Amino acid sequence: MDPVAELCAPSSRCVTAEDFSGSLDQFYAWLKERLPQGGALLDLWGTAPGTKRVANLWRELLEGEISLEDSRPPKRTVHVASVQIVNESGEMLVEAYQEMADGRIRPRNRPLSEKMRPGESVEEACLRGISEELGCAIDQVALLRESYQRVEEERESFSYPGLSTRYVIHTITAHVKQLPQTDFDTEEDEDGNGGGGGGGGAAVLVAASGRTATATSCLGGAVGVRKHFWKWVQQAP
């Protein structure tokens, strides 16, 4: 469970926020020119069920959570820490769906997952995700390091239709004390921090490095998660 390797392949040229002079408008124009069907696909982002806005992808780029190859079409790479939380009955905790800050429902049906930050280890990302999305203290968590697995897959992103994405998924099993044993939900804080990348739709996006970028009203700000809805499911034999 070492820190994440470089997101951008050595043979590829990847863009950064600086390439767009910190402008969300320029980033939008770049995507529109390179994506299949251009603006028609971008119009679905943040409006079609389960999708996110251009501003959410921009935030991911600002925060260093992804790389974007300067290609036609672009390719997004993201490292994901996936935590398979198992209870004493052998059931696994699954996030059934999310309620977004704008009221939309986003189906999930997957274990707790967190995009990894630059230089962050798998263990650190798992503990951060558990803390942010479940509100659990670190001393309540036992990570089973021997269960660690890494897989890669490439497919079109559900969140950003038309955007090819390479997912590097780091999976580990965990036991977490004092969780409800029936279906339950957890809430984000008022600032939109926590699972799903946060972002309460503010007009100014601020990266971890302190850089800022203005989001125009026509594109809208990044939409974060208001609530997570959890359920326990039987694991496949």
C-alpha atoms as a PDB file:
ATOM      1  CA  MET A   1       0.000   0.000   0.000  1.00  0.00           C
ATOM      2  CA  ASP A   2       2.614   2.487  -1.157  1.00  0.00           C
ATOM      3  CA  PRO A   3       1.825   6.042  -2.294  1.00  0.00           C
ATOM      4  CA  VAL A   4       0.232   6.347  -5.702  1.00  0.00           C
ATOM      5  CA  ALA A   5       2.544   6.371  -8.715  1.00  0.00           C
ATOM      6  CA  GLU A   6       2.405   9.033 -11.384  1.00  0.00           C
ATOM      7  CA  LEU A   7      -1.084   9.445 -12.808  1.00  0.00           C
ATOM      8  CA  CYS A   8       0.133  10.487 -16.243  1.00  0.00           C
ATOM      9  CA  ALA A   9       1.873   7.831 -18.339  1.00  0.00           C
ATOM     10  CA  PRO A  10       5.491   8.761 -19.220  1.00  0.00           C
ATOM     11  CA  SER A  11       4.687   8.571 -22.930  1.00  0.00           C
ATOM     12  CA  SER A  12       1.665  10.877 -22.625  1.00  0.00           C
ATOM     13  CA  ARG A  13       1.252  14.618 -22.384  1.00  0.00           C
ATOM     14  CA  CYS A  14      -1.215  15.604 -19.679  1.00  0.00           C
ATOM     15  CA  VAL A  15      -2.803  18.988 -19.126  1.00  0.00           C
ATOM     16  CA  THR A  16      -2.809  20.961 -15.881  1.00  0.00           C
ATOM     17  CA  ALA A  17      -4.955  23.801 -14.594  1.00  0.00           C
ATOM     18  CA  GLU A  18      -2.175  26.207 -15.574  1.00  0.00           C
ATOM     19  CA  ASP A  19      -2.672  25.245 -19.232  1.00  0.00           C
ATOM     20  CA  PHE A  20      -6.068  26.958 -19.029  1.00  0.00           C
ATOM     21  CA  SER A  21      -4.835  30.006 -17.098  1.00  0.00           C
ATOM     22  CA  GLY A  22      -7.066  28.979 -14.200  1.00  0.00           C
ATOM     23  CA  SER A  23     -10.144  29.512 -16.380  1.00  0.00           C
ATOM     24  CA  LEU A  24     -13.078  27.114 -16.254  1.00  0.00           C
ATOM     25  CA  ASP A  25     -14.360  28.648 -19.503  1.00  0.00           C
ATOM     26  CA  GLN A  26     -11.137  27.715 -21.306  1.00  0.00           C
ATOM     27  CA  PHE A  27     -11.297  24.221 -19.844  1.00  0.00           C
ATOM     28  CA  TYR A  28     -14.887  23.846 -21.074  1.00  0.00           C
ATOM     29  CA  ALA A  29     -13.882  24.950 -24.581  1.00  0.00           C
ATOM     30  CA  TRP A  30     -10.988  22.460 -24.594  1.00  0.00           C
ATOM     31  CA  LEU A  31     -13.318  19.600 -23.629  1.00  0.00           C
ATOM     32  CA  LYS A  32     -15.939  20.647 -26.163  1.00  0.00           C
ATOM     33  CA  GLU A  33     -13.385  20.549 -28.980  1.00  0.00           C
ATOM     34  CA  ARG A  34     -12.023  17.117 -28.061  1.00  0.00           C
ATOM     35  CA  LEU A  35     -14.985  15.071 -26.848  1.00  0.00           C
ATOM     36  CA  PRO A  36     -17.084  13.052 -29.302  1.00  0.00           C
ATOM     37  CA  GLN A  37     -20.250  15.058 -30.041  1.00  0.00           C
ATOM     38  CA  GLY A  38     -18.671  17.974 -28.175  1.00  0.00           C
ATOM     39  CA  GLY A  39     -21.245  20.242 -26.592  1.00  0.00           C
ATOM     40  CA  ALA A  40     -24.049  17.695 -26.946  1.00  0.00           C
ATOM     41  CA  LEU A  41     -22.298  15.419 -24.459  1.00  0.00           C
ATOM     42  CA  LEU A  42     -21.281  18.244 -22.156  1.00  0.00           C
ATOM     43  CA  ASP A  43     -24.918  19.318 -21.951  1.00  0.00           C
ATOM     44  CA  LEU A  44     -25.605  15.993 -20.208  1.00  0.00           C
ATOM     45  CA  TRP A  45     -23.029  16.613 -17.500  1.00  0.00           C
ATOM     46  CA  GLY A  46     -24.797  17.581 -14.298  1.00  0.00           C
ATOM     47  CA  THR A  47     -28.264  17.155 -15.826  1.00  0.00           C
ATOM     48  CA  ALA A  48     -28.519  13.458 -16.731  1.00  0.00           C
ATOM     49  CA  PRO A  49     -29.110  11.166 -13.716  1.00  0.00           C
ATOM     50  CA  GLY A  50     -25.914  10.218 -11.894  1.00  0.00           C
ATOM     51  CA  THR A  51     -23.698  12.710 -13.737  1.00  0.00           C
ATOM     52  CA  LYS A  52     -21.507  15.547 -12.480  1.00  0.00           C
ATOM     53  CA  ARG A  53     -20.791  19.025 -13.836  1.00  0.00           C
ATOM     54  CA  VAL A  54     -17.779  20.271 -15.761  1.00  0.00           C
ATOM     55  CA  ALA A  55     -16.888  22.208 -12.600  1.00  0.00           C
ATOM     56  CA  ASN A  56     -16.568  18.916 -10.697  1.00  0.00           C
ATOM     57  CA  LEU A  57     -14.028  17.624 -13.225  1.00  0.00           C
ATOM     58  CA  TRP A  58     -12.223  20.961 -13.044  1.00  0.00           C
ATOM     59  CA  ARG A  59     -12.031  20.619  -9.264  1.00  0.00           C
ATOM     60  CA  GLU A  60     -10.556  17.118  -9.640  1.00  0.00           C
ATOM     61  CA  LEU A  61      -7.868  18.530 -11.927  1.00  0.00           C
ATOM     62  CA  LEU A  62      -7.131  21.424  -9.562  1.00  0.00           C
ATOM     63  CA  GLU A  63      -6.838  19.091  -6.577  1.00  0.00           C
ATOM     64  CA  GLY A  64      -4.499  16.725  -8.432  1.00  0.00           C
ATOM     65  CA  GLU A  65      -6.896  13.785  -8.008  1.00  0.00           C
ATOM     66  CA  ILE A  66      -6.816  12.959 -11.726  1.00  0.00           C
ATOM     67  CA  SER A  67      -4.751  13.336 -14.853  1.00  0.00           C
ATOM     68  CA  LEU A  68      -6.144  14.268 -18.267  1.00  0.00           C
ATOM     69  CA  GLU A  69      -4.233  13.304 -21.382  1.00  0.00           C
ATOM     70  CA  ASP A  70      -4.040  15.998 -24.044  1.00  0.00           C
ATOM     71  CA  SER A  71      -5.551  13.715 -26.671  1.00  0.00           C
ATOM     72  CA  ARG A  72      -8.637  13.407 -28.859  1.00  0.00           C
ATOM     73  CA  PRO A  73     -10.669  12.328 -27.024  1.00  0.00           C
ATOM     74  CA  PRO A  74      -8.999  13.051 -23.662  1.00  0.00           C
ATOM     75  CA  LYS A  75      -8.366  10.189 -21.258  1.00  0.00           C
ATOM     76  CA  ARG A  76      -8.856  10.631 -17.520  1.00  0.00           C
ATOM     77  CA  THR A  77      -6.892   8.562 -14.994  1.00  0.00           C
ATOM     78  CA  VAL A  78      -7.940   8.260 -11.370  1.00  0.00           C
ATOM     79  CA  HIS A  79      -6.714   6.133  -8.463  1.00  0.00           C
ATOM     80  CA  VAL A  80      -9.517   4.952  -6.182  1.00  0.00           C
ATOM     81  CA  ALA A  81      -9.289   3.486  -2.681  1.00  0.00           C
ATOM     82  CA  SER A  82     -12.182   1.044  -2.230  1.00  0.00           C
ATOM     83  CA  VAL A  83     -12.928  -0.143   1.315  1.00  0.00           C
ATOM     84  CA  GLN A  84     -14.882  -3.364   1.751  1.00  0.00           C
ATOM     85  CA  ILE A  85     -16.216  -2.927   5.280  1.00  0.00           C
ATOM     86  CA  VAL A  86     -17.408  -6.267   6.654  1.00  0.00           C
ATOM     87  CA  ASN A  87     -19.460  -6.847   9.820  1.00  0.00           C
ATOM     88  CA  GLU A  88     -19.502  -9.822  12.190  1.00  0.00           C
ATOM     89  CA  SER A  89     -22.240 -11.475  10.112  1.00  0.00           C
ATOM     90  CA  GLY A  90     -20.041 -11.413   7.029  1.00  0.00           C
ATOM     91  CA  GLU A  91     -22.129  -8.727   5.311  1.00  0.00           C
ATOM     92  CA  MET A  92     -20.446  -5.927   3.364  1.00  0.00           C
ATOM     93  CA  LEU A  93     -21.343  -2.246   3.649  1.00  0.00           C
ATOM     94  CA  VAL A  94     -22.446  -0.727   0.339  1.00  0.00           C
ATOM     95  CA  GLU A  95     -23.312   2.857  -0.495  1.00  0.00           C
ATOM     96  CA  ALA A  96     -26.728   2.470  -2.119  1.00  0.00           C
ATOM     97  CA  TYR A  97     -27.042   6.035  -3.385  1.00  0.00           C
ATOM     98  CA  GLN A  98     -26.160   9.662  -2.725  1.00  0.00           C
ATOM     99  CA  GLU A  99     -28.302  12.749  -2.406  1.00  0.00           C
ATOM    100  CA  MET A 100     -26.501  15.620  -4.110  1.00  0.00           C
ATOM    101  CA  ALA A 101     -26.514  19.193  -2.821  1.00  0.00           C
ATOM    102  CA  ASP A 102     -28.860  20.189  -5.660  1.00  0.00           C
ATOM    103  CA  GLY A 103     -31.375  17.489  -4.671  1.00  0.00           C
ATOM    104  CA  ARG A 104     -30.561  14.961  -7.404  1.00  0.00           C
ATOM    105  CA  ILE A 105     -30.177  11.281  -6.496  1.00  0.00           C
ATOM    106  CA  ARG A 106     -27.010   9.530  -7.675  1.00  0.00           C
ATOM    107  CA  PRO A 107     -27.086   5.700  -7.609  1.00  0.00           C
ATOM    108  CA  ARG A 108     -23.887   4.067  -6.338  1.00  0.00           C
ATOM    109  CA  ASN A 109     -24.287   0.411  -5.264  1.00  0.00           C
ATOM    110  CA  ARG A 110     -20.630  -0.010  -4.406  1.00  0.00           C
ATOM    111  CA  PRO A 111     -18.387  -0.135  -1.315  1.00  0.00           C
ATOM    112  CA  LEU A 112     -17.095   3.090   0.196  1.00  0.00           C
ATOM    113  CA  SER A 113     -14.746   4.612  -2.370  1.00  0.00           C
ATOM    114  CA  GLU A 114     -12.467   7.627  -2.258  1.00  0.00           C
ATOM    115  CA  LYS A 115     -10.375   9.265  -4.981  1.00  0.00           C
ATOM    116  CA  MET A 116      -6.774   9.297  -3.821  1.00  0.00           C
ATOM    117  CA  ARG A 117      -4.889  12.549  -3.428  1.00  0.00           C
ATOM    118  CA  PRO A 118      -1.349  13.199  -4.694  1.00  0.00           C
ATOM    119  CA  GLY A 119       1.223  11.323  -2.610  1.00  0.00           C
ATOM    120  CA  GLU A 120      -1.470   9.695  -0.466  1.00  0.00           C
ATOM    121  CA  SER A 121      -1.093   6.024   0.441  1.00  0.00           C
ATOM    122  CA  VAL A 122      -3.925   3.544   0.100  1.00  0.00           C
ATOM    123  CA  GLU A 123      -4.180   3.259   3.882  1.00  0.00           C
ATOM    124  CA  GLU A 124      -4.381   7.038   4.306  1.00  0.00           C
ATOM    125  CA  ALA A 125      -7.067   7.333   1.630  1.00  0.00           C
ATOM    126  CA  CYS A 126      -9.116   4.515   3.175  1.00  0.00           C
ATOM    127  CA  LEU A 127      -8.982   6.047   6.649  1.00  0.00           C
ATOM    128  CA  ARG A 128      -9.841   9.486   5.274  1.00  0.00           C
ATOM    129  CA  GLY A 129     -12.841   8.090   3.403  1.00  0.00           C
ATOM    130  CA  ILE A 130     -14.129   6.252   6.465  1.00  0.00           C
ATOM    131  CA  SER A 131     -13.710   9.369   8.590  1.00  0.00           C
ATOM    132  CA  GLU A 132     -15.328  11.740   6.089  1.00  0.00           C
ATOM    133  CA  GLU A 133     -18.200   9.589   4.869  1.00  0.00           C
ATOM    134  CA  LEU A 134     -19.021   7.564   7.991  1.00  0.00           C
ATOM    135  CA  GLY A 135     -17.771   9.913  10.713  1.00  0.00           C
ATOM    136  CA  CYS A 136     -15.739   7.155  12.381  1.00  0.00           C
ATOM    137  CA  ALA A 137     -12.593   7.747  14.405  1.00  0.00           C
ATOM    138  CA  ILE A 138      -9.401   6.070  13.224  1.00  0.00           C
ATOM    139  CA  ASP A 139      -9.168   3.973  16.403  1.00  0.00           C
ATOM    140  CA  GLN A 140     -12.471   2.310  15.428  1.00  0.00           C
ATOM    141  CA  VAL A 141     -10.999   1.002  12.165  1.00  0.00           C
ATOM    142  CA  ALA A 142      -8.971  -2.136  11.502  1.00  0.00           C
ATOM    143  CA  LEU A 143      -7.599  -2.439   7.960  1.00  0.00           C
ATOM    144  CA  LEU A 144      -6.746  -5.976   6.853  1.00  0.00           C
ATOM    145  CA  ARG A 145      -3.591  -5.221   4.888  1.00  0.00           C
ATOM    146  CA  GLU A 146      -3.221  -8.799   3.672  1.00  0.00           C
ATOM    147  CA  SER A 147      -6.490  -8.401   1.735  1.00  0.00           C
ATOM    148  CA  TYR A 148      -5.081  -5.647  -0.510  1.00  0.00           C
ATOM    149  CA  GLN A 149      -5.713  -5.995  -4.243  1.00  0.00           C
ATOM    150  CA  ARG A 150      -5.078  -3.706  -7.204  1.00  0.00           C
ATOM    151  CA  VAL A 151      -6.960  -3.875 -10.488  1.00  0.00           C
ATOM    152  CA  GLU A 152      -7.177  -1.572 -13.502  1.00  0.00           C
ATOM    153  CA  GLU A 153     -10.055  -1.027 -15.886  1.00  0.00           C
ATOM    154  CA  GLU A 154     -10.787   1.426 -18.660  1.00  0.00           C
ATOM    155  CA  ARG A 155     -14.298   2.495 -19.621  1.00  0.00           C
ATOM    156  CA  GLU A 156     -16.464   5.510 -20.238  1.00  0.00           C
ATOM    157  CA  SER A 157     -17.108   7.466 -17.062  1.00  0.00           C
ATOM    158  CA  PHE A 158     -20.644   7.300 -15.653  1.00  0.00           C
ATOM    159  CA  SER A 159     -20.140  10.708 -14.043  1.00  0.00           C
ATOM    160  CA  TYR A 160     -18.844  12.338 -17.238  1.00  0.00           C
ATOM    161  CA  PRO A 161     -20.482  10.740 -20.315  1.00  0.00           C
ATOM    162  CA  GLY A 162     -18.132  10.432 -23.278  1.00  0.00           C
ATOM    163  CA  LEU A 163     -14.968  10.760 -21.182  1.00  0.00           C
ATOM    164  CA  SER A 164     -12.791   7.656 -21.322  1.00  0.00           C
ATOM    165  CA  THR A 165     -11.384   6.911 -17.875  1.00  0.00           C
ATOM    166  CA  ARG A 166      -8.685   4.573 -16.610  1.00  0.00           C
ATOM    167  CA  TYR A 167      -9.529   3.457 -13.086  1.00  0.00           C
ATOM    168  CA  VAL A 168      -6.752   2.114 -10.863  1.00  0.00           C
ATOM    169  CA  ILE A 169      -8.697   0.537  -8.009  1.00  0.00           C
ATOM    170  CA  HIS A 170      -6.970  -0.292  -4.724  1.00  0.00           C
ATOM    171  CA  THR A 171      -9.227  -2.557  -2.635  1.00  0.00           C
ATOM    172  CA  ILE A 172      -8.818  -3.483   1.019  1.00  0.00           C
ATOM    173  CA  THR A 173     -11.103  -5.126   3.590  1.00  0.00           C
ATOM    174  CA  ALA A 174     -11.789  -3.404   6.905  1.00  0.00           C
ATOM    175  CA  HIS A 175     -13.656  -3.869  10.172  1.00  0.00           C
ATOM    176  CA  VAL A 176     -15.236  -0.762  11.701  1.00  0.00           C
ATOM    177  CA  LYS A 177     -16.637  -0.678  15.232  1.00  0.00           C
ATOM    178  CA  GLN A 178     -19.975   0.818  16.304  1.00  0.00           C
ATOM    179  CA  LEU A 179     -21.619   1.027  12.894  1.00  0.00           C
ATOM    180  CA  PRO A 180     -25.409   0.501  12.740  1.00  0.00           C
ATOM    181  CA  GLN A 181     -26.298  -3.011  11.615  1.00  0.00           C
ATOM    182  CA  THR A 182     -29.339  -1.856   9.649  1.00  0.00           C
ATOM    183  CA  ASP A 183     -29.656   0.579   6.724  1.00  0.00           C
ATOM    184  CA  PHE A 184     -28.546   4.097   7.677  1.00  0.00           C
ATOM    185  CA  ASP A 185     -27.458   7.413   6.194  1.00  0.00           C
ATOM    186  CA  THR A 186     -24.744   9.956   6.917  1.00  0.00           C
ATOM    187  CA  GLU A 187     -24.672  13.682   6.147  1.00  0.00           C
ATOM    188  CA  GLU A 188     -22.009  15.997   4.787  1.00  0.00           C
ATOM    189  CA  ASP A 189     -21.082  19.063   6.815  1.00  0.00           C
ATOM    190  CA  GLU A 190     -22.336  22.513   5.831  1.00  0.00           C
ATOM    191  CA  ASP A 191     -19.207  23.267   3.810  1.00  0.00           C
ATOM    192  CA  GLY A 192     -19.722  20.231   1.605  1.00  0.00           C
ATOM    193  CA  ASN A 193     -16.556  18.533   2.850  1.00  0.00           C
ATOM    194  CA  GLY A 194     -16.272  14.779   2.831  1.00  0.00           C
ATOM    195  CA  GLY A 195     -17.149  12.048   0.382  1.00  0.00           C
ATOM    196  CA  GLY A 196     -17.615  12.745  -3.281  1.00  0.00           C
ATOM    197  CA  GLY A 197     -15.121  15.570  -3.382  1.00  0.00           C
ATOM    198  CA  GLY A 198     -17.211  18.181  -1.605  1.00  0.00           C
ATOM    199  CA  GLY A 199     -17.927  21.498  -3.177  1.00  0.00           C
ATOM    200  CA  GLY A 200     -21.191  23.180  -2.310  1.00  0.00           C
ATOM    201  CA  GLY A 201     -21.631  24.876  -5.670  1.00  0.00           C
ATOM    202  CA  ALA A 202     -19.687  28.018  -4.806  1.00  0.00           C
ATOM    203  CA  ALA A 203     -18.663  30.294  -7.653  1.00  0.00           C
ATOM    204  CA  VAL A 204     -14.989  30.103  -6.685  1.00  0.00           C
ATOM    205  CA  LEU A 205     -13.205  26.742  -6.565  1.00  0.00           C
ATOM    206  CA  VAL A 206     -10.166  26.578  -4.292  1.00  0.00           C
ATOM    207  CA  ALA A 207      -7.547  23.875  -4.721  1.00  0.00           C
ATOM    208  CA  ALA A 208      -5.554  22.337  -1.884  1.00  0.00           C
ATOM    209  CA  SER A 209      -2.545  24.294  -3.135  1.00  0.00           C
ATOM    210  CA  GLY A 210      -4.425  27.561  -2.642  1.00  0.00           C
ATOM    211  CA  ARG A 211      -4.989  28.225  -6.347  1.00  0.00           C
ATOM    212  CA  THR A 212      -8.414  29.535  -7.295  1.00  0.00           C
ATOM    213  CA  ALA A 213     -10.504  29.435 -10.421  1.00  0.00           C
ATOM    214  CA  THR A 214     -13.711  31.273 -11.165  1.00  0.00           C
ATOM    215  CA  ALA A 215     -16.704  29.264 -12.380  1.00  0.00           C
ATOM    216  CA  THR A 216     -19.055  31.124 -14.682  1.00  0.00           C
ATOM    217  CA  SER A 217     -22.746  31.025 -13.893  1.00  0.00           C
ATOM    218  CA  CYS A 218     -23.581  29.286 -17.179  1.00  0.00           C
ATOM    219  CA  LEU A 219     -21.444  26.292 -16.236  1.00  0.00           C
ATOM    220  CA  GLY A 220     -22.391  26.226 -12.568  1.00  0.00           C
ATOM    221  CA  GLY A 221     -20.192  25.370  -9.625  1.00  0.00           C
ATOM    222  CA  ALA A 222     -19.164  21.912  -8.510  1.00  0.00           C
ATOM    223  CA  VAL A 223     -22.014  20.028  -6.852  1.00  0.00           C
ATOM    224  CA  GLY A 224     -21.121  18.052  -3.747  1.00  0.00           C
ATOM    225  CA  VAL A 225     -22.825  15.280  -1.814  1.00  0.00           C
ATOM    226  CA  ARG A 226     -25.388  16.137   0.866  1.00  0.00           C
ATOM    227  CA  LYS A 227     -26.153  12.619   2.137  1.00  0.00           C
ATOM    228  CA  HIS A 228     -24.840   9.071   1.769  1.00  0.00           C
ATOM    229  CA  PHE A 229     -27.257   6.141   2.098  1.00  0.00           C
ATOM    230  CA  TRP A 230     -25.773   2.825   3.241  1.00  0.00           C
ATOM    231  CA  LYS A 231     -26.935  -0.781   3.381  1.00  0.00           C
ATOM    232  CA  TRP A 232     -25.475  -4.158   4.334  1.00  0.00           C
ATOM    233  CA  VAL A 233     -25.451  -6.877   1.676  1.00  0.00           C
ATOM    234  CA  GLN A 234     -24.492 -10.528   1.654  1.00  0.00           C
ATOM    235  CA  GLN A 235     -21.147 -11.110  -0.012  1.00  0.00           C
ATOM    236  CA  ALA A 236     -20.991 -13.324  -3.058  1.00  0.00           C
ATOM    237  CA  PRO A 237     -19.733 -16.819  -2.196  1.00  0.00           C
END
